[in-house]
Amino acid sequence: MVYMGEQGREFRTVRGYQIKQQATKTITASMEDYLEMIYRLAGKKGYTRMGDLASALNVQPPSASKMVQKLADMGYLQFEKYGVIELSKKGQEHGQYLLKRHETLERFLSIIGVKEQLLEETEKIEHYISPETIGKIILLVEFMEDNPEWKQAFYDFKKHEG
């Protein structure tokens, strides 16, 4: 039985939403983490190496190699065994989006006062948020940063939280 809330909304468990989202998504959260890190590490050079990737993600090189092969098979990057990892155009675009999503969520959480486990909280949220929602958060963060008086009013209001 499915509970239908007000306005005909269908409620699910968190796991239910994750399963529904994964059914329409071709890339997993773990793949996103790898692709984002490859994008970060490639930087201006345009490439990274397997050892650097494994080290940055705190995983063993064979694990990194398996995931890199999956991403290559999906068209996100090119790599040769024992060679360099290079992003394809598709990988470059998606990596750029993933990094912006991460940085925006981290800035948002920081603005609202999250201090402890900021990186962990960002990582938990980023894989389960829709592009529409992240777009709205990007807009809100830019607004808050461009309007210091609004940000100060929020901080003053926060002082009275009980």
C-alpha atoms as a PDB file:
ATOM      1  CA  MET A   1       0.000   0.000   0.000  1.00  0.00           C
ATOM      2  CA  VAL A   2       1.246   3.460  -0.921  1.00  0.00           C
ATOM      3  CA  TYR A   3       0.308   6.418   1.251  1.00  0.00           C
ATOM      4  CA  MET A   4      -0.969   9.327  -0.747  1.00  0.00           C
ATOM      5  CA  GLY A   5      -0.528  12.565   1.134  1.00  0.00           C
ATOM      6  CA  GLU A   6      -2.179  15.894   0.590  1.00  0.00           C
ATOM      7  CA  GLN A   7      -2.336  17.075  -3.016  1.00  0.00           C
ATOM      8  CA  GLY A   8      -1.952  13.464  -4.217  1.00  0.00           C
ATOM      9  CA  ARG A   9       1.744  13.223  -3.350  1.00  0.00           C
ATOM     10  CA  GLU A  10       3.124   9.699  -3.155  1.00  0.00           C
ATOM     11  CA  PHE A  11       5.469   9.187  -0.204  1.00  0.00           C
ATOM     12  CA  ARG A  12       8.378   6.723  -0.209  1.00  0.00           C
ATOM     13  CA  THR A  13      11.190   5.774   2.142  1.00  0.00           C
ATOM     14  CA  VAL A  14      14.603   7.305   1.480  1.00  0.00           C
ATOM     15  CA  ARG A  15      15.649   3.960   0.027  1.00  0.00           C
ATOM     16  CA  GLY A  16      12.571   4.008  -2.193  1.00  0.00           C
ATOM     17  CA  TYR A  17      13.545   7.390  -3.613  1.00  0.00           C
ATOM     18  CA  GLN A  18      17.121   6.148  -4.124  1.00  0.00           C
ATOM     19  CA  ILE A  19      15.898   3.104  -6.048  1.00  0.00           C
ATOM     20  CA  LYS A  20      13.565   5.261  -8.155  1.00  0.00           C
ATOM     21  CA  GLN A  21      16.380   7.730  -8.896  1.00  0.00           C
ATOM     22  CA  GLN A  22      18.893   4.981  -9.731  1.00  0.00           C
ATOM     23  CA  ALA A  23      16.463   3.475 -12.239  1.00  0.00           C
ATOM     24  CA  THR A  24      16.689   6.660 -14.344  1.00  0.00           C
ATOM     25  CA  LYS A  25      20.359   7.415 -13.668  1.00  0.00           C
ATOM     26  CA  THR A  26      23.138   5.730 -15.621  1.00  0.00           C
ATOM     27  CA  ILE A  27      26.016   6.684 -13.331  1.00  0.00           C
ATOM     28  CA  THR A  28      26.268   5.568  -9.696  1.00  0.00           C
ATOM     29  CA  ALA A  29      27.288   7.723  -6.721  1.00  0.00           C
ATOM     30  CA  SER A  30      30.627   5.924  -6.588  1.00  0.00           C
ATOM     31  CA  MET A  31      31.215   6.583 -10.288  1.00  0.00           C
ATOM     32  CA  GLU A  32      30.413  10.244  -9.698  1.00  0.00           C
ATOM     33  CA  ASP A  33      33.030  10.390  -6.931  1.00  0.00           C
ATOM     34  CA  TYR A  34      35.660   8.943  -9.253  1.00  0.00           C
ATOM     35  CA  LEU A  35      34.705  11.206 -12.148  1.00  0.00           C
ATOM     36  CA  GLU A  36      34.728  14.306  -9.939  1.00  0.00           C
ATOM     37  CA  MET A  37      38.169  13.406  -8.571  1.00  0.00           C
ATOM     38  CA  ILE A  38      39.543  12.668 -12.036  1.00  0.00           C
ATOM     39  CA  TYR A  39      38.264  16.074 -13.127  1.00  0.00           C
ATOM     40  CA  ARG A  40      39.935  17.729 -10.117  1.00  0.00           C
ATOM     41  CA  LEU A  41      43.233  15.902 -10.618  1.00  0.00           C
ATOM     42  CA  ALA A  42      43.334  16.412 -14.385  1.00  0.00           C
ATOM     43  CA  GLY A  43      43.135  20.170 -13.864  1.00  0.00           C
ATOM     44  CA  LYS A  44      45.184  22.147 -16.336  1.00  0.00           C
ATOM     45  CA  LYS A  45      47.270  19.137 -17.437  1.00  0.00           C
ATOM     46  CA  GLY A  46      44.212  17.431 -18.875  1.00  0.00           C
ATOM     47  CA  TYR A  47      45.119  14.028 -17.461  1.00  0.00           C
ATOM     48  CA  THR A  48      45.895  12.145 -14.262  1.00  0.00           C
ATOM     49  CA  ARG A  49      47.494   8.840 -13.341  1.00  0.00           C
ATOM     50  CA  MET A  50      45.951   5.777 -11.704  1.00  0.00           C
ATOM     51  CA  GLY A  51      48.193   5.974  -8.627  1.00  0.00           C
ATOM     52  CA  ASP A  52      47.277   9.611  -8.030  1.00  0.00           C
ATOM     53  CA  LEU A  53      43.572   8.799  -8.349  1.00  0.00           C
ATOM     54  CA  ALA A  54      43.750   5.819  -5.987  1.00  0.00           C
ATOM     55  CA  SER A  55      45.699   7.866  -3.448  1.00  0.00           C
ATOM     56  CA  ALA A  56      43.298  10.832  -3.635  1.00  0.00           C
ATOM     57  CA  LEU A  57      40.286   8.565  -3.034  1.00  0.00           C
ATOM     58  CA  ASN A  58      41.997   6.368  -0.436  1.00  0.00           C
ATOM     59  CA  VAL A  59      41.394   3.187  -2.437  1.00  0.00           C
ATOM     60  CA  GLN A  60      43.669   0.454  -3.756  1.00  0.00           C
ATOM     61  CA  PRO A  61      44.901   0.842  -7.363  1.00  0.00           C
ATOM     62  CA  PRO A  62      43.076  -2.332  -8.558  1.00  0.00           C
ATOM     63  CA  SER A  63      39.770  -0.871  -7.307  1.00  0.00           C
ATOM     64  CA  ALA A  64      40.480   2.428  -9.040  1.00  0.00           C
ATOM     65  CA  SER A  65      41.418   0.582 -12.221  1.00  0.00           C
ATOM     66  CA  LYS A  66      38.099  -1.318 -12.287  1.00  0.00           C
ATOM     67  CA  MET A  67      36.097   1.877 -11.872  1.00  0.00           C
ATOM     68  CA  VAL A  68      38.162   3.754 -14.453  1.00  0.00           C
ATOM     69  CA  GLN A  69      37.501   0.940 -16.924  1.00  0.00           C
ATOM     70  CA  LYS A  70      33.738   1.191 -16.268  1.00  0.00           C
ATOM     71  CA  LEU A  71      33.833   4.971 -16.815  1.00  0.00           C
ATOM     72  CA  ALA A  72      35.865   4.473 -19.998  1.00  0.00           C
ATOM     73  CA  ASP A  73      33.318   1.921 -21.238  1.00  0.00           C
ATOM     74  CA  MET A  74      30.581   4.517 -20.630  1.00  0.00           C
ATOM     75  CA  GLY A  75      32.436   7.121 -22.704  1.00  0.00           C
ATOM     76  CA  TYR A  76      33.482   9.442 -19.872  1.00  0.00           C
ATOM     77  CA  LEU A  77      37.223   8.973 -20.353  1.00  0.00           C
ATOM     78  CA  GLN A  78      40.033   7.265 -22.195  1.00  0.00           C
ATOM     79  CA  PHE A  79      42.814   5.340 -20.571  1.00  0.00           C
ATOM     80  CA  GLU A  80      45.367   2.714 -21.357  1.00  0.00           C
ATOM     81  CA  LYS A  81      46.496   0.186 -18.784  1.00  0.00           C
ATOM     82  CA  TYR A  82      49.476   1.673 -16.918  1.00  0.00           C
ATOM     83  CA  GLY A  83      48.953   4.913 -18.833  1.00  0.00           C
ATOM     84  CA  VAL A  84      47.287   8.218 -18.181  1.00  0.00           C
ATOM     85  CA  ILE A  85      43.589   8.868 -17.625  1.00  0.00           C
ATOM     86  CA  GLU A  86      42.074  11.537 -19.872  1.00  0.00           C
ATOM     87  CA  LEU A  87      38.524  12.859 -19.796  1.00  0.00           C
ATOM     88  CA  SER A  88      36.415  12.763 -22.951  1.00  0.00           C
ATOM     89  CA  LYS A  89      34.251  15.773 -23.816  1.00  0.00           C
ATOM     90  CA  LYS A  90      31.348  14.009 -22.062  1.00  0.00           C
ATOM     91  CA  GLY A  91      33.555  13.320 -19.022  1.00  0.00           C
ATOM     92  CA  GLN A  92      34.841  16.890 -18.956  1.00  0.00           C
ATOM     93  CA  GLU A  93      31.315  18.320 -18.997  1.00  0.00           C
ATOM     94  CA  HIS A  94      29.975  15.922 -16.376  1.00  0.00           C
ATOM     95  CA  GLY A  95      33.071  16.318 -14.185  1.00  0.00           C
ATOM     96  CA  GLN A  96      32.688  20.103 -14.303  1.00  0.00           C
ATOM     97  CA  TYR A  97      29.026  19.773 -13.252  1.00  0.00           C
ATOM     98  CA  LEU A  98      29.928  17.382 -10.407  1.00  0.00           C
ATOM     99  CA  LEU A  99      32.614  19.718  -9.068  1.00  0.00           C
ATOM    100  CA  LYS A 100      30.289  22.740  -9.237  1.00  0.00           C
ATOM    101  CA  ARG A 101      27.569  20.756  -7.458  1.00  0.00           C
ATOM    102  CA  HIS A 102      30.031  19.743  -4.723  1.00  0.00           C
ATOM    103  CA  GLU A 103      31.494  23.223  -4.259  1.00  0.00           C
ATOM    104  CA  THR A 104      28.041  24.838  -4.216  1.00  0.00           C
ATOM    105  CA  LEU A 105      26.700  22.463  -1.575  1.00  0.00           C
ATOM    106  CA  GLU A 106      29.815  22.945   0.526  1.00  0.00           C
ATOM    107  CA  ARG A 107      29.466  26.754   0.281  1.00  0.00           C
ATOM    108  CA  PHE A 108      25.748  26.530   1.107  1.00  0.00           C
ATOM    109  CA  LEU A 109      26.304  24.362   4.168  1.00  0.00           C
ATOM    110  CA  SER A 110      29.102  26.645   5.314  1.00  0.00           C
ATOM    111  CA  ILE A 111      26.912  29.746   4.927  1.00  0.00           C
ATOM    112  CA  ILE A 112      24.138  28.217   7.044  1.00  0.00           C
ATOM    113  CA  GLY A 113      26.679  27.410   9.733  1.00  0.00           C
ATOM    114  CA  VAL A 114      27.648  23.766   9.278  1.00  0.00           C
ATOM    115  CA  LYS A 115      31.167  23.398  10.651  1.00  0.00           C
ATOM    116  CA  GLU A 116      31.569  19.855  11.906  1.00  0.00           C
ATOM    117  CA  GLN A 117      31.824  17.206   9.226  1.00  0.00           C
ATOM    118  CA  LEU A 118      31.293  19.744   6.425  1.00  0.00           C
ATOM    119  CA  LEU A 119      32.931  17.536   3.793  1.00  0.00           C
ATOM    120  CA  GLU A 120      31.085  14.424   4.980  1.00  0.00           C
ATOM    121  CA  GLU A 121      27.725  16.211   4.922  1.00  0.00           C
ATOM    122  CA  THR A 122      28.438  17.551   1.435  1.00  0.00           C
ATOM    123  CA  GLU A 123      29.329  14.059   0.202  1.00  0.00           C
ATOM    124  CA  LYS A 124      26.151  12.586   1.681  1.00  0.00           C
ATOM    125  CA  ILE A 125      23.886  15.163   0.066  1.00  0.00           C
ATOM    126  CA  GLU A 126      25.435  15.627  -3.356  1.00  0.00           C
ATOM    127  CA  HIS A 127      24.494  12.265  -4.839  1.00  0.00           C
ATOM    128  CA  TYR A 128      20.819  12.468  -3.915  1.00  0.00           C
ATOM    129  CA  ILE A 129      19.898  15.942  -5.095  1.00  0.00           C
ATOM    130  CA  SER A 130      18.276  16.652  -8.444  1.00  0.00           C
ATOM    131  CA  PRO A 131      19.755  18.991 -11.053  1.00  0.00           C
ATOM    132  CA  GLU A 132      16.712  21.266 -10.574  1.00  0.00           C
ATOM    133  CA  THR A 133      17.325  21.516  -6.822  1.00  0.00           C
ATOM    134  CA  ILE A 134      21.060  22.109  -7.196  1.00  0.00           C
ATOM    135  CA  GLY A 135      20.255  24.827  -9.730  1.00  0.00           C
ATOM    136  CA  LYS A 136      18.055  26.579  -7.161  1.00  0.00           C
ATOM    137  CA  ILE A 137      20.729  26.207  -4.466  1.00  0.00           C
ATOM    138  CA  ILE A 138      23.342  27.670  -6.838  1.00  0.00           C
ATOM    139  CA  LEU A 139      21.060  30.659  -7.351  1.00  0.00           C
ATOM    140  CA  LEU A 140      20.488  31.044  -3.595  1.00  0.00           C
ATOM    141  CA  VAL A 141      24.203  30.797  -2.758  1.00  0.00           C
ATOM    142  CA  GLU A 142      25.064  33.384  -5.414  1.00  0.00           C
ATOM    143  CA  PHE A 143      22.332  35.656  -4.032  1.00  0.00           C
ATOM    144  CA  MET A 144      23.614  35.260  -0.466  1.00  0.00           C
ATOM    145  CA  GLU A 145      27.196  35.961  -1.508  1.00  0.00           C
ATOM    146  CA  ASP A 146      26.211  38.985  -3.611  1.00  0.00           C
ATOM    147  CA  ASN A 147      24.057  40.476  -0.836  1.00  0.00           C
ATOM    148  CA  PRO A 148      26.138  40.732   2.342  1.00  0.00           C
ATOM    149  CA  GLU A 149      23.334  42.597   4.123  1.00  0.00           C
ATOM    150  CA  TRP A 150      21.026  39.602   3.628  1.00  0.00           C
ATOM    151  CA  LYS A 151      23.732  37.261   4.854  1.00  0.00           C
ATOM    152  CA  GLN A 152      24.298  39.438   7.929  1.00  0.00           C
ATOM    153  CA  ALA A 153      20.560  39.532   8.637  1.00  0.00           C
ATOM    154  CA  PHE A 154      20.556  35.729   8.513  1.00  0.00           C
ATOM    155  CA  TYR A 155      23.523  35.537  10.906  1.00  0.00           C
ATOM    156  CA  ASP A 156      21.830  37.990  13.286  1.00  0.00           C
ATOM    157  CA  PHE A 157      18.653  35.907  13.161  1.00  0.00           C
ATOM    158  CA  LYS A 158      20.681  32.725  13.848  1.00  0.00           C
ATOM    159  CA  LYS A 159      22.064  34.215  17.063  1.00  0.00           C
ATOM    160  CA  HIS A 160      18.550  33.992  18.519  1.00  0.00           C
ATOM    161  CA  GLU A 161      17.981  30.341  17.624  1.00  0.00           C
ATOM    162  CA  GLY A 162      17.061  28.339  20.615  1.00  0.00           C
END
